[in-house]
Amino acid sequence: MRSWHCYCGGGINDKWPIVVAKKLYDKPFFQGVLQRGGFDGFRIIIQDEDTFVHAQTVFSCKAMPHTKEYYDDILDRLQIIPDNNYREDRLFITRTKSDSLILGRLLENSDAISDLCRRYGFKTIDPGAITFDKQIDMFSKCRYLIGVHGAGMTNMIYRRDRGMSVIEIFPLDNIAPHYYWLSEIFGYSYDAIVGDKLKKGDICTSFTLDPEKLERKIKSFFSL
């Protein structure tokens, strides 16, 4: 068997079957992609721990990161078209406690931060607790976004090329540029704020953010 790892520049031939792990296939967001026609025309092989696939050639593909044409292709496949009824909703992204503890991103005083955001008209949401279609609907209408660093921030792509202003909240020891670059390629305004680290034993499992510090950032960055 020949195995290739490549960056996809010309798309994937729809005559090639796509092997998907059952754990991924069963996730609600993946099912949402299928329901919206994102993989129409492709044959999908679902692989669990007891399934083995025999093939002469295997391609392990990865798109070039932070390339807008790939995101546009995905959004087109998902039939996400900018709404002519321009909205300026405000969202604050929080995370479930269990996921946050595993990833070391638990915002200990999230209730206080949520209360502050609410005073400025922000609705608190956990993207993992709502349906895929609802995520698309809510973020396509979002003009002002505040969020704790994590995969939920990826939903900003559903706004497409309409204006968005983003403040990302980071733990002190986990500062990554993914959503800065997403904001750059979509033309969004971006800023970030770093919290204070708390330690339990030798491993950082949570952090806090001074609400007054965030409020100053909101007043200086957003035109509310």
C-alpha atoms as a PDB file:
ATOM      1  CA  MET A   1       0.000   0.000   0.000  1.00  0.00           C
ATOM      2  CA  ARG A   2       1.222   3.484  -0.822  1.00  0.00           C
ATOM      3  CA  SER A   3       0.440   6.231   1.659  1.00  0.00           C
ATOM      4  CA  TRP A   4       0.645   9.934   0.865  1.00  0.00           C
ATOM      5  CA  HIS A   5       0.314  12.969   3.082  1.00  0.00           C
ATOM      6  CA  CYS A   6      -0.417  16.073   1.063  1.00  0.00           C
ATOM      7  CA  TYR A   7      -1.809  19.582   1.183  1.00  0.00           C
ATOM      8  CA  CYS A   8      -4.977  19.752  -0.903  1.00  0.00           C
ATOM      9  CA  GLY A   9      -4.771  22.468  -3.503  1.00  0.00           C
ATOM     10  CA  GLY A  10      -7.079  21.167  -6.194  1.00  0.00           C
ATOM     11  CA  GLY A  11      -9.863  19.646  -4.154  1.00  0.00           C
ATOM     12  CA  ILE A  12     -10.769  16.001  -3.556  1.00  0.00           C
ATOM     13  CA  ASN A  13     -11.945  13.720  -6.339  1.00  0.00           C
ATOM     14  CA  ASP A  14     -15.518  12.703  -5.512  1.00  0.00           C
ATOM     15  CA  LYS A  15     -14.819   9.261  -6.969  1.00  0.00           C
ATOM     16  CA  TRP A  16     -12.450   8.518  -4.075  1.00  0.00           C
ATOM     17  CA  PRO A  17     -14.145   7.126  -0.952  1.00  0.00           C
ATOM     18  CA  ILE A  18     -13.563   9.075   2.255  1.00  0.00           C
ATOM     19  CA  VAL A  19     -12.784   7.110   5.421  1.00  0.00           C
ATOM     20  CA  VAL A  20     -14.252   8.709   8.544  1.00  0.00           C
ATOM     21  CA  ALA A  21     -13.788   7.481  12.106  1.00  0.00           C
ATOM     22  CA  LYS A  22     -17.104   6.459  13.667  1.00  0.00           C
ATOM     23  CA  LYS A  23     -16.419   8.722  16.660  1.00  0.00           C
ATOM     24  CA  LEU A  24     -16.239  11.707  14.303  1.00  0.00           C
ATOM     25  CA  TYR A  25     -19.135  10.516  12.142  1.00  0.00           C
ATOM     26  CA  ASP A  26     -21.430  10.337  15.190  1.00  0.00           C
ATOM     27  CA  LYS A  27     -20.711  13.889  16.334  1.00  0.00           C
ATOM     28  CA  PRO A  28     -23.694  16.265  15.903  1.00  0.00           C
ATOM     29  CA  PHE A  29     -21.716  18.836  13.910  1.00  0.00           C
ATOM     30  CA  PHE A  30     -20.572  16.184  11.399  1.00  0.00           C
ATOM     31  CA  GLN A  31     -24.143  14.972  10.975  1.00  0.00           C
ATOM     32  CA  GLY A  32     -25.155  18.602  10.493  1.00  0.00           C
ATOM     33  CA  VAL A  33     -22.616  18.928   7.669  1.00  0.00           C
ATOM     34  CA  LEU A  34     -24.031  15.822   5.997  1.00  0.00           C
ATOM     35  CA  GLN A  35     -27.600  17.061   6.311  1.00  0.00           C
ATOM     36  CA  ARG A  36     -26.681  20.349   4.642  1.00  0.00           C
ATOM     37  CA  GLY A  37     -25.194  18.508   1.661  1.00  0.00           C
ATOM     38  CA  GLY A  38     -21.550  19.156   2.457  1.00  0.00           C
ATOM     39  CA  PHE A  39     -20.485  15.730   1.182  1.00  0.00           C
ATOM     40  CA  ASP A  40     -23.073  15.109  -1.521  1.00  0.00           C
ATOM     41  CA  GLY A  41     -21.648  12.829  -4.202  1.00  0.00           C
ATOM     42  CA  PHE A  42     -18.971  11.315  -1.963  1.00  0.00           C
ATOM     43  CA  ARG A  43     -18.927   7.736  -0.731  1.00  0.00           C
ATOM     44  CA  ILE A  44     -18.201   7.703   2.989  1.00  0.00           C
ATOM     45  CA  ILE A  45     -16.752   4.655   4.744  1.00  0.00           C
ATOM     46  CA  ILE A  46     -17.418   4.696   8.488  1.00  0.00           C
ATOM     47  CA  GLN A  47     -14.551   3.053  10.357  1.00  0.00           C
ATOM     48  CA  ASP A  48     -14.930   1.800  13.903  1.00  0.00           C
ATOM     49  CA  GLU A  49     -12.342  -0.109  15.931  1.00  0.00           C
ATOM     50  CA  ASP A  50     -13.377  -3.417  14.312  1.00  0.00           C
ATOM     51  CA  THR A  51     -13.313  -2.160  10.707  1.00  0.00           C
ATOM     52  CA  PHE A  52     -10.234  -2.479   8.521  1.00  0.00           C
ATOM     53  CA  VAL A  53      -9.988  -0.907   5.076  1.00  0.00           C
ATOM     54  CA  HIS A  54      -7.938  -2.531   2.304  1.00  0.00           C
ATOM     55  CA  ALA A  55      -6.587  -0.043  -0.230  1.00  0.00           C
ATOM     56  CA  GLN A  56      -3.715   0.217  -2.666  1.00  0.00           C
ATOM     57  CA  THR A  57      -3.261   3.960  -2.129  1.00  0.00           C
ATOM     58  CA  VAL A  58      -4.239   6.113   0.837  1.00  0.00           C
ATOM     59  CA  PHE A  59      -4.190   9.914   0.879  1.00  0.00           C
ATOM     60  CA  SER A  60      -4.015  11.716   4.213  1.00  0.00           C
ATOM     61  CA  CYS A  61      -4.952  15.248   3.259  1.00  0.00           C
ATOM     62  CA  LYS A  62      -4.691  18.564   4.988  1.00  0.00           C
ATOM     63  CA  ALA A  63      -5.701  21.961   3.643  1.00  0.00           C
ATOM     64  CA  MET A  64      -3.220  24.803   3.874  1.00  0.00           C
ATOM     65  CA  PRO A  65      -4.078  26.623   7.110  1.00  0.00           C
ATOM     66  CA  HIS A  66      -5.634  30.078   7.138  1.00  0.00           C
ATOM     67  CA  THR A  67      -6.450  30.066   3.424  1.00  0.00           C
ATOM     68  CA  LYS A  68      -9.689  31.900   2.743  1.00  0.00           C
ATOM     69  CA  GLU A  69     -10.605  30.080  -0.472  1.00  0.00           C
ATOM     70  CA  TYR A  70     -10.912  26.818   1.475  1.00  0.00           C
ATOM     71  CA  TYR A  71     -13.227  28.369   4.044  1.00  0.00           C
ATOM     72  CA  ASP A  72     -15.320  29.883   1.272  1.00  0.00           C
ATOM     73  CA  ASP A  73     -15.556  26.471  -0.390  1.00  0.00           C
ATOM     74  CA  ILE A  74     -16.755  24.918   2.869  1.00  0.00           C
ATOM     75  CA  LEU A  75     -19.308  27.684   3.435  1.00  0.00           C
ATOM     76  CA  ASP A  76     -20.583  27.313  -0.131  1.00  0.00           C
ATOM     77  CA  ARG A  77     -20.915  23.540   0.335  1.00  0.00           C
ATOM     78  CA  LEU A  78     -22.901  24.166   3.510  1.00  0.00           C
ATOM     79  CA  GLN A  79     -25.121  26.602   1.581  1.00  0.00           C
ATOM     80  CA  ILE A  80     -24.322  29.450   3.947  1.00  0.00           C
ATOM     81  CA  ILE A  81     -25.218  32.651   2.139  1.00  0.00           C
ATOM     82  CA  PRO A  82     -24.996  36.062   3.840  1.00  0.00           C
ATOM     83  CA  ASP A  83     -28.397  37.229   5.046  1.00  0.00           C
ATOM     84  CA  ASN A  84     -29.618  40.394   3.379  1.00  0.00           C
ATOM     85  CA  ASN A  85     -31.246  41.344   6.689  1.00  0.00           C
ATOM     86  CA  TYR A  86     -28.088  42.691   8.354  1.00  0.00           C
ATOM     87  CA  ARG A  87     -28.007  41.931  12.077  1.00  0.00           C
ATOM     88  CA  GLU A  88     -25.730  43.171  14.850  1.00  0.00           C
ATOM     89  CA  ASP A  89     -26.275  40.611  17.589  1.00  0.00           C
ATOM     90  CA  ARG A  90     -23.825  40.244  20.482  1.00  0.00           C
ATOM     91  CA  LEU A  91     -22.604  36.870  21.759  1.00  0.00           C
ATOM     92  CA  PHE A  92     -20.413  35.731  24.639  1.00  0.00           C
ATOM     93  CA  ILE A  93     -19.036  32.194  24.182  1.00  0.00           C
ATOM     94  CA  THR A  94     -18.563  30.151  27.315  1.00  0.00           C
ATOM     95  CA  ARG A  95     -17.505  26.499  27.703  1.00  0.00           C
ATOM     96  CA  THR A  96     -18.926  23.518  29.572  1.00  0.00           C
ATOM     97  CA  LYS A  97     -17.116  22.923  32.860  1.00  0.00           C
ATOM     98  CA  SER A  98     -16.178  19.319  32.023  1.00  0.00           C
ATOM     99  CA  ASP A  99     -14.580  20.206  28.676  1.00  0.00           C
ATOM    100  CA  SER A 100     -12.815  23.203  30.163  1.00  0.00           C
ATOM    101  CA  LEU A 101     -11.256  21.190  32.973  1.00  0.00           C
ATOM    102  CA  ILE A 102      -9.933  18.599  30.525  1.00  0.00           C
ATOM    103  CA  LEU A 103      -8.380  21.298  28.337  1.00  0.00           C
ATOM    104  CA  GLY A 104      -7.188  23.529  31.174  1.00  0.00           C
ATOM    105  CA  ARG A 105      -9.364  26.448  30.059  1.00  0.00           C
ATOM    106  CA  LEU A 106     -11.935  26.736  32.839  1.00  0.00           C
ATOM    107  CA  LEU A 107     -12.834  30.362  33.493  1.00  0.00           C
ATOM    108  CA  GLU A 108     -13.488  30.191  37.226  1.00  0.00           C
ATOM    109  CA  ASN A 109     -15.460  33.428  37.409  1.00  0.00           C
ATOM    110  CA  SER A 110     -17.418  32.862  34.201  1.00  0.00           C
ATOM    111  CA  ASP A 111     -20.678  33.851  35.940  1.00  0.00           C
ATOM    112  CA  ALA A 112     -19.275  37.293  36.759  1.00  0.00           C
ATOM    113  CA  ILE A 113     -17.937  37.711  33.222  1.00  0.00           C
ATOM    114  CA  SER A 114     -21.266  36.571  31.784  1.00  0.00           C
ATOM    115  CA  ASP A 115     -23.116  39.100  33.977  1.00  0.00           C
ATOM    116  CA  LEU A 116     -20.819  41.862  32.750  1.00  0.00           C
ATOM    117  CA  CYS A 117     -21.352  40.891  29.114  1.00  0.00           C
ATOM    118  CA  ARG A 118     -25.104  40.750  29.665  1.00  0.00           C
ATOM    119  CA  ARG A 119     -25.070  44.366  30.870  1.00  0.00           C
ATOM    120  CA  TYR A 120     -23.638  45.286  27.474  1.00  0.00           C
ATOM    121  CA  GLY A 121     -26.281  43.337  25.578  1.00  0.00           C
ATOM    122  CA  PHE A 122     -24.394  40.075  25.031  1.00  0.00           C
ATOM    123  CA  LYS A 123     -26.141  36.714  25.073  1.00  0.00           C
ATOM    124  CA  THR A 124     -24.171  33.898  26.728  1.00  0.00           C
ATOM    125  CA  ILE A 125     -24.027  30.670  24.725  1.00  0.00           C
ATOM    126  CA  ASP A 126     -22.192  27.349  24.740  1.00  0.00           C
ATOM    127  CA  PRO A 127     -21.946  26.308  21.063  1.00  0.00           C
ATOM    128  CA  GLY A 128     -21.538  22.664  22.077  1.00  0.00           C
ATOM    129  CA  ALA A 129     -25.013  22.735  23.632  1.00  0.00           C
ATOM    130  CA  ILE A 130     -26.912  23.943  20.552  1.00  0.00           C
ATOM    131  CA  THR A 131     -27.590  22.353  17.172  1.00  0.00           C
ATOM    132  CA  PHE A 132     -25.335  22.838  14.166  1.00  0.00           C
ATOM    133  CA  ASP A 133     -28.001  24.782  12.265  1.00  0.00           C
ATOM    134  CA  LYS A 134     -28.595  27.005  15.305  1.00  0.00           C
ATOM    135  CA  GLN A 135     -24.868  27.756  15.538  1.00  0.00           C
ATOM    136  CA  ILE A 136     -24.862  28.845  11.905  1.00  0.00           C
ATOM    137  CA  ASP A 137     -27.936  31.020  12.410  1.00  0.00           C
ATOM    138  CA  MET A 138     -26.675  32.718  15.575  1.00  0.00           C
ATOM    139  CA  PHE A 139     -23.140  33.421  14.391  1.00  0.00           C
ATOM    140  CA  SER A 140     -24.212  34.630  10.956  1.00  0.00           C
ATOM    141  CA  LYS A 141     -26.094  37.387  12.798  1.00  0.00           C
ATOM    142  CA  CYS A 142     -23.310  38.136  15.300  1.00  0.00           C
ATOM    143  CA  ARG A 143     -21.644  41.548  14.954  1.00  0.00           C
ATOM    144  CA  TYR A 144     -19.843  41.632  18.331  1.00  0.00           C
ATOM    145  CA  LEU A 145     -18.225  38.488  19.743  1.00  0.00           C
ATOM    146  CA  ILE A 146     -16.480  37.777  23.047  1.00  0.00           C
ATOM    147  CA  GLY A 147     -15.267  34.261  23.674  1.00  0.00           C
ATOM    148  CA  VAL A 148     -12.997  32.064  25.758  1.00  0.00           C
ATOM    149  CA  HIS A 149     -10.331  30.512  23.527  1.00  0.00           C
ATOM    150  CA  GLY A 150     -11.558  27.205  22.094  1.00  0.00           C
ATOM    151  CA  ALA A 151     -13.130  25.505  19.102  1.00  0.00           C
ATOM    152  CA  GLY A 152     -16.403  27.381  19.582  1.00  0.00           C
ATOM    153  CA  MET A 153     -14.675  30.498  18.232  1.00  0.00           C
ATOM    154  CA  THR A 154     -14.487  28.825  14.800  1.00  0.00           C
ATOM    155  CA  ASN A 155     -18.174  29.641  14.386  1.00  0.00           C
ATOM    156  CA  MET A 156     -17.128  33.173  13.489  1.00  0.00           C
ATOM    157  CA  ILE A 157     -16.699  31.970   9.880  1.00  0.00           C
ATOM    158  CA  TYR A 158     -20.493  31.859   9.457  1.00  0.00           C
ATOM    159  CA  ARG A 159     -20.558  35.654   9.475  1.00  0.00           C
ATOM    160  CA  ARG A 160     -18.555  35.385   6.233  1.00  0.00           C
ATOM    161  CA  ASP A 161     -17.394  38.769   4.926  1.00  0.00           C
ATOM    162  CA  ARG A 162     -19.717  40.996   6.868  1.00  0.00           C
ATOM    163  CA  GLY A 163     -18.260  43.038   9.705  1.00  0.00           C
ATOM    164  CA  MET A 164     -17.478  41.465  13.065  1.00  0.00           C
ATOM    165  CA  SER A 165     -15.504  42.664  16.087  1.00  0.00           C
ATOM    166  CA  VAL A 166     -13.928  39.950  18.241  1.00  0.00           C
ATOM    167  CA  ILE A 167     -12.401  39.865  21.731  1.00  0.00           C
ATOM    168  CA  GLU A 168     -10.786  36.534  22.597  1.00  0.00           C
ATOM    169  CA  ILE A 169     -10.122  35.572  26.238  1.00  0.00           C
ATOM    170  CA  PHE A 170      -6.962  33.539  26.880  1.00  0.00           C
ATOM    171  CA  PRO A 171      -5.588  31.653  29.874  1.00  0.00           C
ATOM    172  CA  LEU A 172      -2.158  32.990  30.796  1.00  0.00           C
ATOM    173  CA  ASP A 173      -0.302  29.895  29.563  1.00  0.00           C
ATOM    174  CA  ASN A 174      -2.324  29.029  26.432  1.00  0.00           C
ATOM    175  CA  ILE A 175      -2.149  31.808  23.849  1.00  0.00           C
ATOM    176  CA  ALA A 176      -2.631  30.584  20.284  1.00  0.00           C
ATOM    177  CA  PRO A 177      -3.117  32.645  17.094  1.00  0.00           C
ATOM    178  CA  HIS A 178      -5.792  30.552  15.298  1.00  0.00           C
ATOM    179  CA  TYR A 179      -8.696  32.970  15.676  1.00  0.00           C
ATOM    180  CA  TYR A 180      -6.564  36.029  15.115  1.00  0.00           C
ATOM    181  CA  TRP A 181      -5.718  34.601  11.679  1.00  0.00           C
ATOM    182  CA  LEU A 182      -9.350  33.676  11.024  1.00  0.00           C
ATOM    183  CA  SER A 183     -10.317  37.249  11.826  1.00  0.00           C
ATOM    184  CA  GLU A 184      -7.604  38.553   9.528  1.00  0.00           C
ATOM    185  CA  ILE A 185      -8.682  36.550   6.482  1.00  0.00           C
ATOM    186  CA  PHE A 186     -12.357  37.456   6.954  1.00  0.00           C
ATOM    187  CA  GLY A 187     -11.621  41.132   7.567  1.00  0.00           C
ATOM    188  CA  TYR A 188     -12.854  41.184  11.183  1.00  0.00           C
ATOM    189  CA  SER A 189     -11.555  43.488  13.897  1.00  0.00           C
ATOM    190  CA  TYR A 190      -9.706  41.499  16.554  1.00  0.00           C
ATOM    191  CA  ASP A 191      -8.376  42.048  20.051  1.00  0.00           C
ATOM    192  CA  ALA A 192      -7.475  39.739  22.925  1.00  0.00           C
ATOM    193  CA  ILE A 193      -7.290  39.792  26.693  1.00  0.00           C
ATOM    194  CA  VAL A 194      -5.280  37.482  28.975  1.00  0.00           C
ATOM    195  CA  GLY A 195      -6.564  36.213  32.297  1.00  0.00           C
ATOM    196  CA  ASP A 196      -4.777  35.330  35.516  1.00  0.00           C
ATOM    197  CA  LYS A 197      -3.595  31.786  36.122  1.00  0.00           C
ATOM    198  CA  LEU A 198      -4.786  29.664  39.018  1.00  0.00           C
ATOM    199  CA  LYS A 199      -2.991  26.475  39.951  1.00  0.00           C
ATOM    200  CA  LYS A 200      -4.233  23.235  41.427  1.00  0.00           C
ATOM    201  CA  GLY A 201      -1.156  21.235  42.290  1.00  0.00           C
ATOM    202  CA  ASP A 202       1.436  21.566  39.546  1.00  0.00           C
ATOM    203  CA  ILE A 203      -1.010  21.694  36.642  1.00  0.00           C
ATOM    204  CA  CYS A 204      -2.910  24.772  35.593  1.00  0.00           C
ATOM    205  CA  THR A 205      -6.562  23.731  35.311  1.00  0.00           C
ATOM    206  CA  SER A 206      -8.357  27.053  35.553  1.00  0.00           C
ATOM    207  CA  PHE A 207      -7.980  30.803  35.362  1.00  0.00           C
ATOM    208  CA  THR A 208      -9.818  33.992  36.207  1.00  0.00           C
ATOM    209  CA  LEU A 209     -10.382  37.300  34.426  1.00  0.00           C
ATOM    210  CA  ASP A 210     -10.861  40.624  36.177  1.00  0.00           C
ATOM    211  CA  PRO A 211     -14.308  41.885  35.047  1.00  0.00           C
ATOM    212  CA  GLU A 212     -13.139  45.515  35.267  1.00  0.00           C
ATOM    213  CA  LYS A 213     -10.260  44.718  32.921  1.00  0.00           C
ATOM    214  CA  LEU A 214     -12.682  43.222  30.391  1.00  0.00           C
ATOM    215  CA  GLU A 215     -15.077  46.143  30.782  1.00  0.00           C
ATOM    216  CA  ARG A 216     -12.320  48.600  29.908  1.00  0.00           C
ATOM    217  CA  LYS A 217     -11.499  46.501  26.849  1.00  0.00           C
ATOM    218  CA  ILE A 218     -15.161  46.423  25.766  1.00  0.00           C
ATOM    219  CA  LYS A 219     -15.464  50.205  26.077  1.00  0.00           C
ATOM    220  CA  SER A 220     -12.251  50.886  24.155  1.00  0.00           C
ATOM    221  CA  PHE A 221     -12.658  48.262  21.413  1.00  0.00           C
ATOM    222  CA  PHE A 222     -16.373  47.983  20.666  1.00  0.00           C
ATOM    223  CA  SER A 223     -18.535  50.785  19.307  1.00  0.00           C
ATOM    224  CA  LEU A 224     -21.609  49.846  21.315  1.00  0.00           C
END
